[in-house]
PDB file of all heavy atoms in Angstrom:
ATOM      1  N   ASP A   1       3.227   4.117 -13.662  1.00  0.00           N
ATOM      2  CA  ASP A   1       2.387   4.925 -12.816  1.00  0.00           C
ATOM      3  C   ASP A   1       1.100   4.047 -12.538  1.00  0.00           C
ATOM      4  O   ASP A   1       0.006   4.708 -12.302  1.00  0.00           O
ATOM      5  CB  ASP A   1       2.070   6.210 -13.411  1.00  0.00           C
ATOM      6  CG  ASP A   1       1.252   6.123 -14.595  1.00  0.00           C
ATOM      7  OD1 ASP A   1       0.982   5.009 -15.246  1.00  0.00           O
ATOM      8  OD2 ASP A   1       0.575   7.118 -15.038  1.00  0.00           O
ATOM      9  N   ASN A   2       1.078   2.652 -12.655  1.00  0.00           N
ATOM     10  CA  ASN A   2      -0.195   1.932 -12.371  1.00  0.00           C
ATOM     11  C   ASN A   2       0.015   0.916 -11.164  1.00  0.00           C
ATOM     12  O   ASN A   2      -0.036  -0.249 -11.407  1.00  0.00           O
ATOM     13  CB  ASN A   2      -0.589   1.360 -13.604  1.00  0.00           C
ATOM     14  CG  ASN A   2      -2.083   0.806 -13.565  1.00  0.00           C
ATOM     15  OD1 ASN A   2      -2.852   1.290 -12.833  1.00  0.00           O
ATOM     16  ND2 ASN A   2      -2.306  -0.250 -14.306  1.00  0.00           N
ATOM     17  N   PRO A   3       0.571   1.361 -10.050  1.00  0.00           N
ATOM     18  CA  PRO A   3       0.879   0.479  -9.111  1.00  0.00           C
ATOM     19  C   PRO A   3      -0.400  -0.119  -8.372  1.00  0.00           C
ATOM     20  O   PRO A   3      -1.425   0.441  -8.325  1.00  0.00           O
ATOM     21  CB  PRO A   3       1.568   1.325  -8.007  1.00  0.00           C
ATOM     22  CG  PRO A   3       0.971   2.684  -8.248  1.00  0.00           C
ATOM     23  CD  PRO A   3       0.716   2.844  -9.650  1.00  0.00           C
ATOM     24  N   SER A   4      -0.162  -1.458  -7.984  1.00  0.00           N
ATOM     25  CA  SER A   4      -1.209  -2.146  -7.100  1.00  0.00           C
ATOM     26  C   SER A   4      -0.598  -3.046  -6.314  1.00  0.00           C
ATOM     27  O   SER A   4       0.523  -3.585  -6.630  1.00  0.00           O
ATOM     28  CB  SER A   4      -2.327  -2.728  -8.076  1.00  0.00           C
ATOM     29  OG  SER A   4      -1.589  -3.678  -8.960  1.00  0.00           O
ATOM     30  N   ALA A   5      -1.150  -3.488  -5.235  1.00  0.00           N
ATOM     31  CA  ALA A   5      -0.522  -4.423  -4.255  1.00  0.00           C
ATOM     32  C   ALA A   5      -1.741  -5.042  -3.517  1.00  0.00           C
ATOM     33  O   ALA A   5      -2.944  -4.419  -3.388  1.00  0.00           O
ATOM     34  CB  ALA A   5       0.359  -3.728  -3.317  1.00  0.00           C
ATOM     35  N   TYR A   6      -1.440  -6.105  -2.937  1.00  0.00           N
ATOM     36  CA  TYR A   6      -2.500  -6.879  -2.059  1.00  0.00           C
ATOM     37  C   TYR A   6      -2.504  -6.203  -0.744  1.00  0.00           C
ATOM     38  O   TYR A   6      -1.473  -6.158   0.073  1.00  0.00           O
ATOM     39  CB  TYR A   6      -2.183  -8.342  -1.964  1.00  0.00           C
ATOM     40  CG  TYR A   6      -3.075  -9.074  -1.009  1.00  0.00           C
ATOM     41  CD1 TYR A   6      -4.402  -9.315  -1.413  1.00  0.00           C
ATOM     42  CD2 TYR A   6      -2.533  -9.672   0.224  1.00  0.00           C
ATOM     43  CE1 TYR A   6      -5.132 -10.116  -0.629  1.00  0.00           C
ATOM     44  CE2 TYR A   6      -3.521 -10.384   1.008  1.00  0.00           C
ATOM     45  CZ  TYR A   6      -4.774 -10.590   0.586  1.00  0.00           C
ATOM     46  OH  TYR A   6      -5.662 -11.290   1.434  1.00  0.00           O
ATOM     47  N   ILE A   7      -3.612  -5.523  -0.325  1.00  0.00           N
ATOM     48  CA  ILE A   7      -3.758  -4.682   0.763  1.00  0.00           C
ATOM     49  C   ILE A   7      -2.601  -3.801   0.999  1.00  0.00           C
ATOM     50  O   ILE A   7      -2.071  -3.539   2.025  1.00  0.00           O
ATOM     51  CB  ILE A   7      -3.997  -5.705   2.070  1.00  0.00           C
ATOM     52  CG1 ILE A   7      -5.005  -6.717   1.704  1.00  0.00           C
ATOM     53  CG2 ILE A   7      -4.373  -4.864   3.262  1.00  0.00           C
ATOM     54  CD1 ILE A   7      -5.489  -7.577   2.930  1.00  0.00           C
ATOM     55  N   GLY A   8      -2.200  -3.195  -0.166  1.00  0.00           N
ATOM     56  CA  GLY A   8      -1.209  -2.349  -0.144  1.00  0.00           C
ATOM     57  C   GLY A   8       0.216  -2.627   0.128  1.00  0.00           C
ATOM     58  O   GLY A   8       1.176  -1.926   0.315  1.00  0.00           O
ATOM     59  N   SER A   9       0.396  -4.133   0.135  1.00  0.00           N
ATOM     60  CA  SER A   9       1.698  -4.523   0.878  1.00  0.00           C
ATOM     61  C   SER A   9       2.577  -5.448   0.090  1.00  0.00           C
ATOM     62  O   SER A   9       3.777  -5.519   0.111  1.00  0.00           O
ATOM     63  CB  SER A   9       1.259  -5.345   2.197  1.00  0.00           C
ATOM     64  OG  SER A   9       0.501  -4.532   3.090  1.00  0.00           O
ATOM     65  N   ALA A  10       1.905  -6.311  -0.830  1.00  0.00           N
ATOM     66  CA  ALA A  10       2.667  -7.382  -1.389  1.00  0.00           C
ATOM     67  C   ALA A  10       2.201  -7.541  -2.945  1.00  0.00           C
ATOM     68  O   ALA A  10       1.060  -7.289  -3.215  1.00  0.00           O
ATOM     69  CB  ALA A  10       2.310  -8.668  -0.670  1.00  0.00           C
ATOM     70  N   VAL A  11       3.167  -7.944  -3.679  1.00  0.00           N
ATOM     71  CA  VAL A  11       3.127  -8.118  -5.157  1.00  0.00           C
ATOM     72  C   VAL A  11       3.608  -9.394  -5.580  1.00  0.00           C
ATOM     73  O   VAL A  11       4.584  -9.856  -5.247  1.00  0.00           O
ATOM     74  CB  VAL A  11       3.961  -6.936  -5.902  1.00  0.00           C
ATOM     75  CG1 VAL A  11       3.610  -7.013  -7.303  1.00  0.00           C
ATOM     76  CG2 VAL A  11       3.515  -5.640  -5.371  1.00  0.00           C
ATOM     77  N   PRO A  12       2.875 -10.165  -6.487  1.00  0.00           N
ATOM     78  CA  PRO A  12       3.292 -11.487  -6.889  1.00  0.00           C
ATOM     79  C   PRO A  12       4.623 -11.317  -7.639  1.00  0.00           C
ATOM     80  O   PRO A  12       4.874 -10.446  -8.360  1.00  0.00           O
ATOM     81  CB  PRO A  12       2.095 -11.870  -7.842  1.00  0.00           C
ATOM     82  CG  PRO A  12       0.967 -11.159  -7.593  1.00  0.00           C
ATOM     83  CD  PRO A  12       1.429  -9.813  -7.020  1.00  0.00           C
ATOM     84  N   GLY A  13       5.383 -12.313  -7.365  1.00  0.00           N
ATOM     85  CA  GLY A  13       6.778 -12.304  -8.103  1.00  0.00           C
ATOM     86  C   GLY A  13       7.835 -11.591  -7.451  1.00  0.00           C
ATOM     87  O   GLY A  13       8.916 -11.539  -7.753  1.00  0.00           O
ATOM     88  N   PHE A  14       7.487 -11.000  -6.142  1.00  0.00           N
ATOM     89  CA  PHE A  14       8.477 -10.317  -5.355  1.00  0.00           C
ATOM     90  C   PHE A  14       8.433 -10.929  -3.860  1.00  0.00           C
ATOM     91  O   PHE A  14       7.876 -10.278  -3.063  1.00  0.00           O
ATOM     92  CB  PHE A  14       8.101  -8.749  -5.387  1.00  0.00           C
ATOM     93  CG  PHE A  14       8.369  -8.231  -6.774  1.00  0.00           C
ATOM     94  CD1 PHE A  14       7.317  -8.267  -7.716  1.00  0.00           C
ATOM     95  CD2 PHE A  14       9.570  -7.496  -7.154  1.00  0.00           C
ATOM     96  CE1 PHE A  14       7.499  -7.805  -8.990  1.00  0.00           C
ATOM     97  CE2 PHE A  14       9.667  -7.053  -8.426  1.00  0.00           C
ATOM     98  CZ  PHE A  14       8.770  -7.166  -9.311  1.00  0.00           C
ATOM     99  N   PRO A  15       9.075 -12.012  -3.711  1.00  0.00           N
ATOM    100  CA  PRO A  15       9.058 -12.655  -2.349  1.00  0.00           C
ATOM    101  C   PRO A  15       9.733 -11.815  -1.316  1.00  0.00           C
ATOM    102  O   PRO A  15      10.681 -11.092  -1.612  1.00  0.00           O
ATOM    103  CB  PRO A  15       9.935 -13.968  -2.661  1.00  0.00           C
ATOM    104  CG  PRO A  15      10.022 -14.157  -4.187  1.00  0.00           C
ATOM    105  CD  PRO A  15       9.885 -12.793  -4.666  1.00  0.00           C
ATOM    106  N   ASN A  16       9.098 -11.931  -0.094  1.00  0.00           N
ATOM    107  CA  ASN A  16       9.704 -11.302   1.029  1.00  0.00           C
ATOM    108  C   ASN A  16       9.893  -9.813   0.808  1.00  0.00           C
ATOM    109  O   ASN A  16      10.751  -9.102   1.422  1.00  0.00           O
ATOM    110  CB  ASN A  16      11.005 -11.946   1.384  1.00  0.00           C
ATOM    111  CG  ASN A  16      10.879 -13.419   1.864  1.00  0.00           C
ATOM    112  OD1 ASN A  16       9.763 -14.045   1.655  1.00  0.00           O
ATOM    113  ND2 ASN A  16      11.908 -13.992   2.526  1.00  0.00           N
ATOM    114  N   PHE A  17       9.055  -9.111  -0.087  1.00  0.00           N
ATOM    115  CA  PHE A  17       9.219  -7.714  -0.267  1.00  0.00           C
ATOM    116  C   PHE A  17       7.897  -7.066  -0.017  1.00  0.00           C
ATOM    117  O   PHE A  17       6.825  -7.690  -0.412  1.00  0.00           O
ATOM    118  CB  PHE A  17       9.537  -7.542  -1.780  1.00  0.00           C
ATOM    119  CG  PHE A  17       9.425  -6.061  -2.131  1.00  0.00           C
ATOM    120  CD1 PHE A  17      10.371  -5.073  -1.784  1.00  0.00           C
ATOM    121  CD2 PHE A  17       8.265  -5.568  -2.963  1.00  0.00           C
ATOM    122  CE1 PHE A  17      10.210  -3.737  -2.093  1.00  0.00           C
ATOM    123  CE2 PHE A  17       8.158  -4.144  -3.209  1.00  0.00           C
ATOM    124  CZ  PHE A  17       9.255  -3.320  -2.927  1.00  0.00           C
ATOM    125  N   PHE A  18       7.823  -6.079   0.854  1.00  0.00           N
ATOM    126  CA  PHE A  18       6.643  -5.413   1.324  1.00  0.00           C
ATOM    127  C   PHE A  18       6.750  -3.827   1.261  1.00  0.00           C
ATOM    128  O   PHE A  18       7.824  -3.344   1.483  1.00  0.00           O
ATOM    129  CB  PHE A  18       6.438  -5.880   2.756  1.00  0.00           C
ATOM    130  CG  PHE A  18       6.316  -7.286   2.996  1.00  0.00           C
ATOM    131  CD1 PHE A  18       7.473  -7.949   3.406  1.00  0.00           C
ATOM    132  CD2 PHE A  18       5.319  -8.032   2.677  1.00  0.00           C
ATOM    133  CE1 PHE A  18       7.483  -9.399   3.592  1.00  0.00           C
ATOM    134  CE2 PHE A  18       5.314  -9.438   2.702  1.00  0.00           C
ATOM    135  CZ  PHE A  18       6.386 -10.081   3.238  1.00  0.00           C
ATOM    136  N   THR A  19       5.690  -3.320   0.896  1.00  0.00           N
ATOM    137  CA  THR A  19       5.587  -1.814   0.647  1.00  0.00           C
ATOM    138  C   THR A  19       4.800  -1.370   1.812  1.00  0.00           C
ATOM    139  O   THR A  19       3.626  -1.834   2.088  1.00  0.00           O
ATOM    140  CB  THR A  19       4.966  -1.387  -0.610  1.00  0.00           C
ATOM    141  OG1 THR A  19       3.597  -1.965  -0.743  1.00  0.00           O
ATOM    142  CG2 THR A  19       5.848  -1.839  -1.742  1.00  0.00           C
ATOM    143  N   ILE A  20       5.280  -0.371   2.589  1.00  0.00           N
ATOM    144  CA  ILE A  20       4.513   0.345   3.667  1.00  0.00           C
ATOM    145  C   ILE A  20       4.033   1.595   2.977  1.00  0.00           C
ATOM    146  O   ILE A  20       4.801   2.386   2.449  1.00  0.00           O
ATOM    147  CB  ILE A  20       5.338   0.595   4.899  1.00  0.00           C
ATOM    148  CG1 ILE A  20       5.895  -0.765   5.351  1.00  0.00           C
ATOM    149  CG2 ILE A  20       4.583   1.158   6.034  1.00  0.00           C
ATOM    150  CD1 ILE A  20       6.947  -0.545   6.537  1.00  0.00           C
ATOM    151  N   LEU A  21       2.720   1.924   3.243  1.00  0.00           N
ATOM    152  CA  LEU A  21       2.161   3.020   2.652  1.00  0.00           C
ATOM    153  C   LEU A  21       2.145   2.814   1.202  1.00  0.00           C
ATOM    154  O   LEU A  21       2.576   3.694   0.402  1.00  0.00           O
ATOM    155  CB  LEU A  21       2.676   4.384   3.047  1.00  0.00           C
ATOM    156  CG  LEU A  21       1.883   5.624   2.725  1.00  0.00           C
ATOM    157  CD1 LEU A  21       0.440   5.537   3.364  1.00  0.00           C
ATOM    158  CD2 LEU A  21       2.504   6.910   3.263  1.00  0.00           C
ATOM    159  N   GLY A  22       1.939   1.599   0.685  1.00  0.00           N
ATOM    160  CA  GLY A  22       1.911   1.274  -0.696  1.00  0.00           C
ATOM    161  C   GLY A  22       0.723   1.778  -1.378  1.00  0.00           C
ATOM    162  O   GLY A  22      -0.100   2.594  -0.969  1.00  0.00           O
ATOM    163  N   PRO A  23       0.369   1.080  -2.557  1.00  0.00           N
ATOM    164  CA  PRO A  23      -0.902   1.563  -3.468  1.00  0.00           C
ATOM    165  C   PRO A  23      -2.091   1.390  -2.675  1.00  0.00           C
ATOM    166  O   PRO A  23      -2.244   0.526  -1.858  1.00  0.00           O
ATOM    167  CB  PRO A  23      -0.713   0.506  -4.541  1.00  0.00           C
ATOM    168  CG  PRO A  23       0.671   0.151  -4.616  1.00  0.00           C
ATOM    169  CD  PRO A  23       1.221   0.086  -3.230  1.00  0.00           C
ATOM    170  N   ASN A  24      -2.956   2.456  -2.735  1.00  0.00           N
ATOM    171  CA  ASN A  24      -4.346   2.399  -2.142  1.00  0.00           C
ATOM    172  C   ASN A  24      -4.309   2.148  -0.697  1.00  0.00           C
ATOM    173  O   ASN A  24      -5.286   1.547  -0.194  1.00  0.00           O
ATOM    174  CB  ASN A  24      -5.150   1.246  -2.963  1.00  0.00           C
ATOM    175  CG  ASN A  24      -5.242   1.568  -4.503  1.00  0.00           C
ATOM    176  OD1 ASN A  24      -4.825   0.779  -5.189  1.00  0.00           O
ATOM    177  ND2 ASN A  24      -5.958   2.639  -4.769  1.00  0.00           N
ATOM    178  N   VAL A  25      -3.427   2.783   0.030  1.00  0.00           N
ATOM    179  CA  VAL A  25      -3.425   2.739   1.487  1.00  0.00           C
ATOM    180  C   VAL A  25      -3.752   4.223   2.061  1.00  0.00           C
ATOM    181  O   VAL A  25      -4.342   4.273   3.061  1.00  0.00           O
ATOM    182  CB  VAL A  25      -2.124   2.269   2.046  1.00  0.00           C
ATOM    183  CG1 VAL A  25      -1.957   2.355   3.601  1.00  0.00           C
ATOM    184  CG2 VAL A  25      -1.918   0.763   1.655  1.00  0.00           C
ATOM    185  N   GLY A  26      -3.264   5.238   1.307  1.00  0.00           N
ATOM    186  CA  GLY A  26      -3.573   6.533   1.812  1.00  0.00           C
ATOM    187  C   GLY A  26      -5.031   6.870   1.936  1.00  0.00           C
ATOM    188  O   GLY A  26      -5.831   6.150   1.543  1.00  0.00           O
ATOM    189  N   LEU A  27      -5.259   7.911   2.665  1.00  0.00           N
ATOM    190  CA  LEU A  27      -6.683   8.245   3.036  1.00  0.00           C
ATOM    191  C   LEU A  27      -7.160   9.507   2.169  1.00  0.00           C
ATOM    192  O   LEU A  27      -6.587  10.596   2.491  1.00  0.00           O
ATOM    193  CB  LEU A  27      -6.922   8.448   4.541  1.00  0.00           C
ATOM    194  CG  LEU A  27      -6.314   7.385   5.458  1.00  0.00           C
ATOM    195  CD1 LEU A  27      -6.515   7.732   6.853  1.00  0.00           C
ATOM    196  CD2 LEU A  27      -7.247   6.069   5.196  1.00  0.00           C
ATOM    197  N   GLY A  28      -8.017   9.318   1.290  1.00  0.00           N
ATOM    198  CA  GLY A  28      -8.566  10.466   0.543  1.00  0.00           C
ATOM    199  C   GLY A  28      -9.573  11.240   1.245  1.00  0.00           C
ATOM    200  O   GLY A  28      -9.831  12.392   0.955  1.00  0.00           O
ATOM    201  N   HIS A  29     -10.327  10.617   2.123  1.00  0.00           N
ATOM    202  CA  HIS A  29     -11.353  11.334   2.831  1.00  0.00           C
ATOM    203  C   HIS A  29     -10.935  11.813   4.124  1.00  0.00           C
ATOM    204  O   HIS A  29     -11.805  12.186   5.041  1.00  0.00           O
ATOM    205  CB  HIS A  29     -12.634  10.405   2.999  1.00  0.00           C
ATOM    206  CG  HIS A  29     -12.349   9.181   3.762  1.00  0.00           C
ATOM    207  ND1 HIS A  29     -11.605   8.109   3.399  1.00  0.00           N
ATOM    208  CD2 HIS A  29     -12.916   8.713   5.028  1.00  0.00           C
ATOM    209  CE1 HIS A  29     -11.644   7.191   4.255  1.00  0.00           C
ATOM    210  NE2 HIS A  29     -12.445   7.457   5.171  1.00  0.00           N
ATOM    211  N   GLY A  30      -9.704  12.034   4.345  1.00  0.00           N
ATOM    212  CA  GLY A  30      -9.179  12.707   5.532  1.00  0.00           C
ATOM    213  C   GLY A  30      -8.683  11.699   6.530  1.00  0.00           C
ATOM    214  O   GLY A  30      -8.817  10.432   6.340  1.00  0.00           O
ATOM    215  N   GLY A  31      -8.225  12.282   7.591  1.00  0.00           N
ATOM    216  CA  GLY A  31      -7.841  11.265   8.772  1.00  0.00           C
ATOM    217  C   GLY A  31      -6.324  11.140   8.849  1.00  0.00           C
ATOM    218  O   GLY A  31      -5.540  11.779   8.147  1.00  0.00           O
ATOM    219  N   SER A  32      -5.926  10.124   9.719  1.00  0.00           N
ATOM    220  CA  SER A  32      -4.545  10.067  10.104  1.00  0.00           C
ATOM    221  C   SER A  32      -3.817   9.106   9.222  1.00  0.00           C
ATOM    222  O   SER A  32      -4.162   7.796   9.336  1.00  0.00           O
ATOM    223  CB  SER A  32      -4.381   9.662  11.515  1.00  0.00           C
ATOM    224  OG  SER A  32      -3.173   9.330  11.829  1.00  0.00           O
ATOM    225  N   MET A  33      -2.907   9.441   8.360  1.00  0.00           N
ATOM    226  CA  MET A  33      -2.095   8.552   7.665  1.00  0.00           C
ATOM    227  C   MET A  33      -1.286   7.610   8.551  1.00  0.00           C
ATOM    228  O   MET A  33      -0.999   6.394   8.302  1.00  0.00           O
ATOM    229  CB  MET A  33      -1.207   9.294   6.803  1.00  0.00           C
ATOM    230  CG  MET A  33      -0.530   8.477   5.636  1.00  0.00           C
ATOM    231  SD  MET A  33      -1.540   8.210   4.234  1.00  0.00           S
ATOM    232  CE  MET A  33      -1.517   9.799   3.524  1.00  0.00           C
ATOM    233  N   ILE A  34      -0.967   8.014   9.796  1.00  0.00           N
ATOM    234  CA  ILE A  34      -0.193   7.285  10.740  1.00  0.00           C
ATOM    235  C   ILE A  34      -0.894   6.152  11.225  1.00  0.00           C
ATOM    236  O   ILE A  34      -0.390   4.934  11.276  1.00  0.00           O
ATOM    237  CB  ILE A  34       0.302   8.212  11.814  1.00  0.00           C
ATOM    238  CG1 ILE A  34       1.218   9.319  11.317  1.00  0.00           C
ATOM    239  CG2 ILE A  34       1.032   7.344  12.911  1.00  0.00           C
ATOM    240  CD1 ILE A  34       1.772  10.199  12.365  1.00  0.00           C
ATOM    241  N   LYS A  35      -2.176   6.206  11.420  1.00  0.00           N
ATOM    242  CA  LYS A  35      -2.955   4.933  11.901  1.00  0.00           C
ATOM    243  C   LYS A  35      -2.906   3.902  10.758  1.00  0.00           C
ATOM    244  O   LYS A  35      -2.777   2.702  11.086  1.00  0.00           O
ATOM    245  CB  LYS A  35      -4.372   5.369  12.237  1.00  0.00           C
ATOM    246  CG  LYS A  35      -5.156   4.152  12.756  1.00  0.00           C
ATOM    247  CD  LYS A  35      -6.431   4.576  13.575  1.00  0.00           C
ATOM    248  CE  LYS A  35      -7.013   3.235  14.103  1.00  0.00           C
ATOM    249  NZ  LYS A  35      -8.249   3.728  14.960  1.00  0.00           N
ATOM    250  N   ALA A  36      -3.053   4.467   9.498  1.00  0.00           N
ATOM    251  CA  ALA A  36      -3.052   3.447   8.288  1.00  0.00           C
ATOM    252  C   ALA A  36      -1.714   2.749   8.277  1.00  0.00           C
ATOM    253  O   ALA A  36      -1.592   1.672   8.101  1.00  0.00           O
ATOM    254  CB  ALA A  36      -3.415   4.214   7.059  1.00  0.00           C
TER     255      ALA A  36
END
């Protein structure tokens, strides 16, 4: 339960693997998740 990623997208050791809406991408202060 301690995920982190570079700009929410990439993790060292996992080539060519990308997370969309990954760690620390969501919006806590409101707004459109879709734009993110």
